[in-house]
Every structure is written in structure tokens, then in C-alpha cells.
Amino acid sequence: MTGHDADNFVRVQIINDAAAIEQAVSGVVAALERHHYPKASLFAVKLCLHEALSNAFRHGHRGLPPSTPVALAYLASPDHVEIFIEDRGPGFDPASVPDPTLDENLERGSGRGLLLINAYMAVAEYSPAGNALHMVYRRPDLTTNT
């Protein structure tokens, strides 16, 4: 990361509060809008952010006080956005989450968020501890206006 990039790197702590989550997501979306990302890209990033933050609070922070924050950091550029989310929970093994597209899991309510994140993001990597997620969304061809 260059010195200029460091100036655009945003870090926030988010508590489990709908308004706080929406404010954080809106900050990422605003950064992408400044780079004129297409509406479909804004939708994809916003959806993945909501899913990742929801998972961090619902699963990672299960049993922790609602005031326990989740860390969000992001860096938006004209061609991609990097997003880092870290909760304070014990972590999990993403490979242990059942595939929601298999017949036996269609009626289960778990795994869909991870499926969406993996579908939209160019990179979705969990820390070895399983409590941090690094996502990268690559903007579609810059010559296309959608």
C-alpha cells in the first residue's frame, strides 16, 4: 500500500446496531460512488457487506455484549475495493458450513451468505482463526457503462 493509498484506507468500529451498520455500509458505498462504480457493483458490494457483518454479529459475537464492536476497514480505488471485517469471536471453519445448494440443505437457513460473498467477490479469504474476512471486489470492465 502506497502512502496515497494509506490516506484512503478507512477503519471503523461497528456495534450491533442497525443504524451503525447502515452508516458503515453507506460509507463504503459512498467511496465506490466517488469512483463512479456501476449500480450493479454497488448492489453486490452492499449485499456482501451486509451478509459478512450479519454473520460476524450473529455467529462470531454470539454470547458477547451487543456493544462489542466488529472492525471494518476498506480501501476503494477506481478498479477494486478491498474490505476487511474482523469480529472478536472464536472463529469458524468456512469449509464446515453446509453447501446451501445441495438438495439436503435447501431448507436450511445457513450458508447462503457465504455463497453470495463467494459469488460476487474476486477474493474471499478467512483468517486461519476464522474470525476475519478479507474480501476484494473487482470492478467490471471500466469501458462498460452500466
C-alpha atoms as a PDB file:
ATOM      1  CA  MET A   1       0.000   0.000   0.000  1.00  0.00           C
ATOM      2  CA  THR A   2       1.468   3.339  -1.029  1.00  0.00           C
ATOM      3  CA  GLY A   3       1.360   6.458   1.104  1.00  0.00           C
ATOM      4  CA  HIS A   4      -1.501   7.783  -1.020  1.00  0.00           C
ATOM      5  CA  ASP A   5      -3.432   4.533  -0.537  1.00  0.00           C
ATOM      6  CA  ALA A   6      -2.916   4.743   3.218  1.00  0.00           C
ATOM      7  CA  ASP A   7      -4.689   8.112   3.156  1.00  0.00           C
ATOM      8  CA  ASN A   8      -7.773   6.439   1.647  1.00  0.00           C
ATOM      9  CA  PHE A   9      -7.765   3.419   3.955  1.00  0.00           C
ATOM     10  CA  VAL A  10     -10.771   3.750   6.265  1.00  0.00           C
ATOM     11  CA  ARG A  11     -11.153   1.922   9.585  1.00  0.00           C
ATOM     12  CA  VAL A  12     -14.307   1.904  11.685  1.00  0.00           C
ATOM     13  CA  GLN A  13     -15.603   0.019  14.709  1.00  0.00           C
ATOM     14  CA  ILE A  14     -19.248  -1.007  14.406  1.00  0.00           C
ATOM     15  CA  ILE A  15     -21.564  -2.038  17.217  1.00  0.00           C
ATOM     16  CA  ASN A  16     -24.515  -4.369  16.666  1.00  0.00           C
ATOM     17  CA  ASP A  17     -26.974  -1.607  15.884  1.00  0.00           C
ATOM     18  CA  ALA A  18     -28.909  -1.296  12.618  1.00  0.00           C
ATOM     19  CA  ALA A  19     -28.143   2.427  12.258  1.00  0.00           C
ATOM     20  CA  ALA A  20     -24.428   1.923  12.943  1.00  0.00           C
ATOM     21  CA  ILE A  21     -24.236  -0.927  10.435  1.00  0.00           C
ATOM     22  CA  GLU A  22     -26.081   1.079   7.792  1.00  0.00           C
ATOM     23  CA  GLN A  23     -23.818   4.083   8.365  1.00  0.00           C
ATOM     24  CA  ALA A  24     -20.716   1.913   7.872  1.00  0.00           C
ATOM     25  CA  VAL A  25     -22.110   0.263   4.726  1.00  0.00           C
ATOM     26  CA  SER A  26     -23.119   3.673   3.378  1.00  0.00           C
ATOM     27  CA  GLY A  27     -19.542   4.868   3.858  1.00  0.00           C
ATOM     28  CA  VAL A  28     -18.212   2.065   1.669  1.00  0.00           C
ATOM     29  CA  VAL A  29     -20.897   2.653  -0.963  1.00  0.00           C
ATOM     30  CA  ALA A  30     -20.137   6.407  -0.981  1.00  0.00           C
ATOM     31  CA  ALA A  31     -16.448   5.646  -1.576  1.00  0.00           C
ATOM     32  CA  LEU A  32     -17.400   3.496  -4.571  1.00  0.00           C
ATOM     33  CA  GLU A  33     -19.782   6.149  -5.879  1.00  0.00           C
ATOM     34  CA  ARG A  34     -16.904   8.661  -5.867  1.00  0.00           C
ATOM     35  CA  HIS A  35     -15.173   6.282  -8.285  1.00  0.00           C
ATOM     36  CA  HIS A  36     -18.378   6.002 -10.373  1.00  0.00           C
ATOM     37  CA  TYR A  37     -18.910   2.276  -9.837  1.00  0.00           C
ATOM     38  CA  PRO A  38     -21.978   0.989 -11.690  1.00  0.00           C
ATOM     39  CA  LYS A  39     -25.202   0.332  -9.791  1.00  0.00           C
ATOM     40  CA  ALA A  40     -24.814  -3.438 -10.098  1.00  0.00           C
ATOM     41  CA  SER A  41     -21.414  -3.199  -8.393  1.00  0.00           C
ATOM     42  CA  LEU A  42     -22.834  -1.055  -5.599  1.00  0.00           C
ATOM     43  CA  PHE A  43     -25.557  -3.666  -5.075  1.00  0.00           C
ATOM     44  CA  ALA A  44     -23.047  -6.542  -4.992  1.00  0.00           C
ATOM     45  CA  VAL A  45     -20.712  -4.874  -2.504  1.00  0.00           C
ATOM     46  CA  LYS A  46     -23.558  -3.695  -0.284  1.00  0.00           C
ATOM     47  CA  LEU A  47     -25.109  -7.181  -0.230  1.00  0.00           C
ATOM     48  CA  CYS A  48     -21.788  -8.826   0.645  1.00  0.00           C
ATOM     49  CA  LEU A  49     -21.076  -6.281   3.368  1.00  0.00           C
ATOM     50  CA  HIS A  50     -24.480  -6.839   4.945  1.00  0.00           C
ATOM     51  CA  GLU A  51     -24.011 -10.611   4.815  1.00  0.00           C
ATOM     52  CA  ALA A  52     -20.488 -10.501   6.268  1.00  0.00           C
ATOM     53  CA  LEU A  53     -21.417  -8.079   9.051  1.00  0.00           C
ATOM     54  CA  SER A  54     -24.572 -10.019   9.842  1.00  0.00           C
ATOM     55  CA  ASN A  55     -22.543 -13.226  10.127  1.00  0.00           C
ATOM     56  CA  ALA A  56     -19.944 -11.507  12.316  1.00  0.00           C
ATOM     57  CA  PHE A  57     -22.585 -10.309  14.767  1.00  0.00           C
ATOM     58  CA  ARG A  58     -24.952 -13.312  14.614  1.00  0.00           C
ATOM     59  CA  HIS A  59     -22.340 -16.054  14.731  1.00  0.00           C
ATOM     60  CA  GLY A  60     -18.990 -14.543  15.701  1.00  0.00           C
ATOM     61  CA  HIS A  61     -20.361 -12.455  18.542  1.00  0.00           C
ATOM     62  CA  ARG A  62     -22.886 -14.978  19.820  1.00  0.00           C
ATOM     63  CA  GLY A  63     -22.928 -14.574  23.593  1.00  0.00           C
ATOM     64  CA  LEU A  64     -20.940 -11.323  23.569  1.00  0.00           C
ATOM     65  CA  PRO A  65     -22.450  -7.990  24.658  1.00  0.00           C
ATOM     66  CA  PRO A  66     -24.155  -6.068  21.817  1.00  0.00           C
ATOM     67  CA  SER A  67     -21.701  -3.234  22.401  1.00  0.00           C
ATOM     68  CA  THR A  68     -18.771  -5.476  21.354  1.00  0.00           C
ATOM     69  CA  PRO A  69     -17.626  -3.934  18.072  1.00  0.00           C
ATOM     70  CA  VAL A  70     -16.750  -5.556  14.787  1.00  0.00           C
ATOM     71  CA  ALA A  71     -13.843  -3.955  12.927  1.00  0.00           C
ATOM     72  CA  LEU A  72     -14.385  -2.857   9.336  1.00  0.00           C
ATOM     73  CA  ALA A  73     -11.615  -1.491   7.151  1.00  0.00           C
ATOM     74  CA  TYR A  74     -11.737  -0.713   3.460  1.00  0.00           C
ATOM     75  CA  LEU A  75      -9.790   0.820   0.629  1.00  0.00           C
ATOM     76  CA  ALA A  76     -11.639   1.841  -2.525  1.00  0.00           C
ATOM     77  CA  SER A  77      -9.883   2.530  -5.807  1.00  0.00           C
ATOM     78  CA  PRO A  78     -11.137   3.006  -9.368  1.00  0.00           C
ATOM     79  CA  ASP A  79     -10.711  -0.681 -10.227  1.00  0.00           C
ATOM     80  CA  HIS A  80     -11.347  -2.562  -6.975  1.00  0.00           C
ATOM     81  CA  VAL A  81     -12.269  -2.304  -3.318  1.00  0.00           C
ATOM     82  CA  GLU A  82     -10.607  -4.252  -0.511  1.00  0.00           C
ATOM     83  CA  ILE A  83     -12.691  -4.923   2.578  1.00  0.00           C
ATOM     84  CA  PHE A  84     -11.560  -6.374   5.896  1.00  0.00           C
ATOM     85  CA  ILE A  85     -14.003  -7.465   8.602  1.00  0.00           C
ATOM     86  CA  GLU A  86     -12.900  -8.880  11.940  1.00  0.00           C
ATOM     87  CA  ASP A  87     -15.057  -9.982  14.842  1.00  0.00           C
ATOM     88  CA  ARG A  88     -13.994 -10.855  18.374  1.00  0.00           C
ATOM     89  CA  GLY A  89     -15.459 -14.322  18.402  1.00  0.00           C
ATOM     90  CA  PRO A  90     -13.715 -17.693  18.410  1.00  0.00           C
ATOM     91  CA  GLY A  91     -13.849 -18.036  14.628  1.00  0.00           C
ATOM     92  CA  PHE A  92     -15.096 -20.867  12.430  1.00  0.00           C
ATOM     93  CA  ASP A  93     -14.039 -23.126   9.584  1.00  0.00           C
ATOM     94  CA  PRO A  94     -15.801 -21.967   6.394  1.00  0.00           C
ATOM     95  CA  ALA A  95     -15.409 -25.476   4.957  1.00  0.00           C
ATOM     96  CA  SER A  96     -17.678 -26.781   7.738  1.00  0.00           C
ATOM     97  CA  VAL A  97     -20.643 -24.708   6.532  1.00  0.00           C
ATOM     98  CA  PRO A  98     -23.033 -26.935   4.546  1.00  0.00           C
ATOM     99  CA  ASP A  99     -23.436 -26.159   0.839  1.00  0.00           C
ATOM    100  CA  PRO A 100     -26.868 -24.457   0.628  1.00  0.00           C
ATOM    101  CA  THR A 101     -27.336 -25.578  -2.986  1.00  0.00           C
ATOM    102  CA  LEU A 102     -27.387 -29.298  -2.149  1.00  0.00           C
ATOM    103  CA  ASP A 103     -30.850 -30.876  -2.006  1.00  0.00           C
ATOM    104  CA  GLU A 104     -30.479 -31.879   1.644  1.00  0.00           C
ATOM    105  CA  ASN A 105     -29.648 -28.268   2.616  1.00  0.00           C
ATOM    106  CA  LEU A 106     -32.181 -26.324   0.544  1.00  0.00           C
ATOM    107  CA  GLU A 107     -34.477 -25.724   3.509  1.00  0.00           C
ATOM    108  CA  ARG A 108     -31.671 -24.911   5.947  1.00  0.00           C
ATOM    109  CA  GLY A 109     -31.131 -21.245   6.656  1.00  0.00           C
ATOM    110  CA  SER A 110     -27.350 -21.311   6.734  1.00  0.00           C
ATOM    111  CA  GLY A 111     -24.611 -20.889   4.170  1.00  0.00           C
ATOM    112  CA  ARG A 112     -26.388 -18.562   1.783  1.00  0.00           C
ATOM    113  CA  GLY A 113     -24.412 -15.502   2.869  1.00  0.00           C
ATOM    114  CA  LEU A 114     -21.100 -17.256   2.249  1.00  0.00           C
ATOM    115  CA  LEU A 115     -22.398 -18.424  -1.133  1.00  0.00           C
ATOM    116  CA  LEU A 116     -23.268 -14.854  -2.136  1.00  0.00           C
ATOM    117  CA  ILE A 117     -19.942 -13.490  -0.895  1.00  0.00           C
ATOM    118  CA  ASN A 118     -18.043 -16.119  -2.884  1.00  0.00           C
ATOM    119  CA  ALA A 119     -20.184 -15.435  -5.966  1.00  0.00           C
ATOM    120  CA  TYR A 120     -19.683 -11.658  -6.031  1.00  0.00           C
ATOM    121  CA  MET A 121     -16.194 -11.221  -4.627  1.00  0.00           C
ATOM    122  CA  ALA A 122     -12.996 -11.900  -6.573  1.00  0.00           C
ATOM    123  CA  VAL A 123     -11.363 -12.758  -3.243  1.00  0.00           C
ATOM    124  CA  ALA A 124     -12.991 -14.024  -0.052  1.00  0.00           C
ATOM    125  CA  GLU A 125     -10.342 -15.274   2.371  1.00  0.00           C
ATOM    126  CA  TYR A 126     -10.762 -16.076   6.039  1.00  0.00           C
ATOM    127  CA  SER A 127      -8.004 -15.769   8.586  1.00  0.00           C
ATOM    128  CA  PRO A 128      -6.607 -19.035   9.971  1.00  0.00           C
ATOM    129  CA  ALA A 129      -8.530 -18.347  13.184  1.00  0.00           C
ATOM    130  CA  GLY A 130     -11.733 -17.909  11.168  1.00  0.00           C
ATOM    131  CA  ASN A 131     -12.757 -14.603  12.730  1.00  0.00           C
ATOM    132  CA  ALA A 132     -11.559 -12.236   9.990  1.00  0.00           C
ATOM    133  CA  LEU A 133     -12.586 -11.956   6.364  1.00  0.00           C
ATOM    134  CA  HIS A 134     -10.670 -10.253   3.554  1.00  0.00           C
ATOM    135  CA  MET A 135     -12.816  -9.523   0.501  1.00  0.00           C
ATOM    136  CA  VAL A 136     -11.875  -7.951  -2.814  1.00  0.00           C
ATOM    137  CA  TYR A 137     -14.433  -6.785  -5.340  1.00  0.00           C
ATOM    138  CA  ARG A 138     -13.041  -6.061  -8.798  1.00  0.00           C
ATOM    139  CA  ARG A 139     -14.925  -3.502 -10.793  1.00  0.00           C
ATOM    140  CA  PRO A 140     -16.227  -4.820 -14.133  1.00  0.00           C
ATOM    141  CA  ASP A 141     -14.649  -3.545 -17.348  1.00  0.00           C
ATOM    142  CA  LEU A 142     -14.237   0.207 -16.970  1.00  0.00           C
ATOM    143  CA  THR A 143     -15.193   0.739 -20.629  1.00  0.00           C
ATOM    144  CA  THR A 144     -18.717  -0.528 -19.958  1.00  0.00           C
ATOM    145  CA  ASN A 145     -21.243   1.959 -18.626  1.00  0.00           C
ATOM    146  CA  THR A 146     -23.993   0.193 -16.678  1.00  0.00           C
END
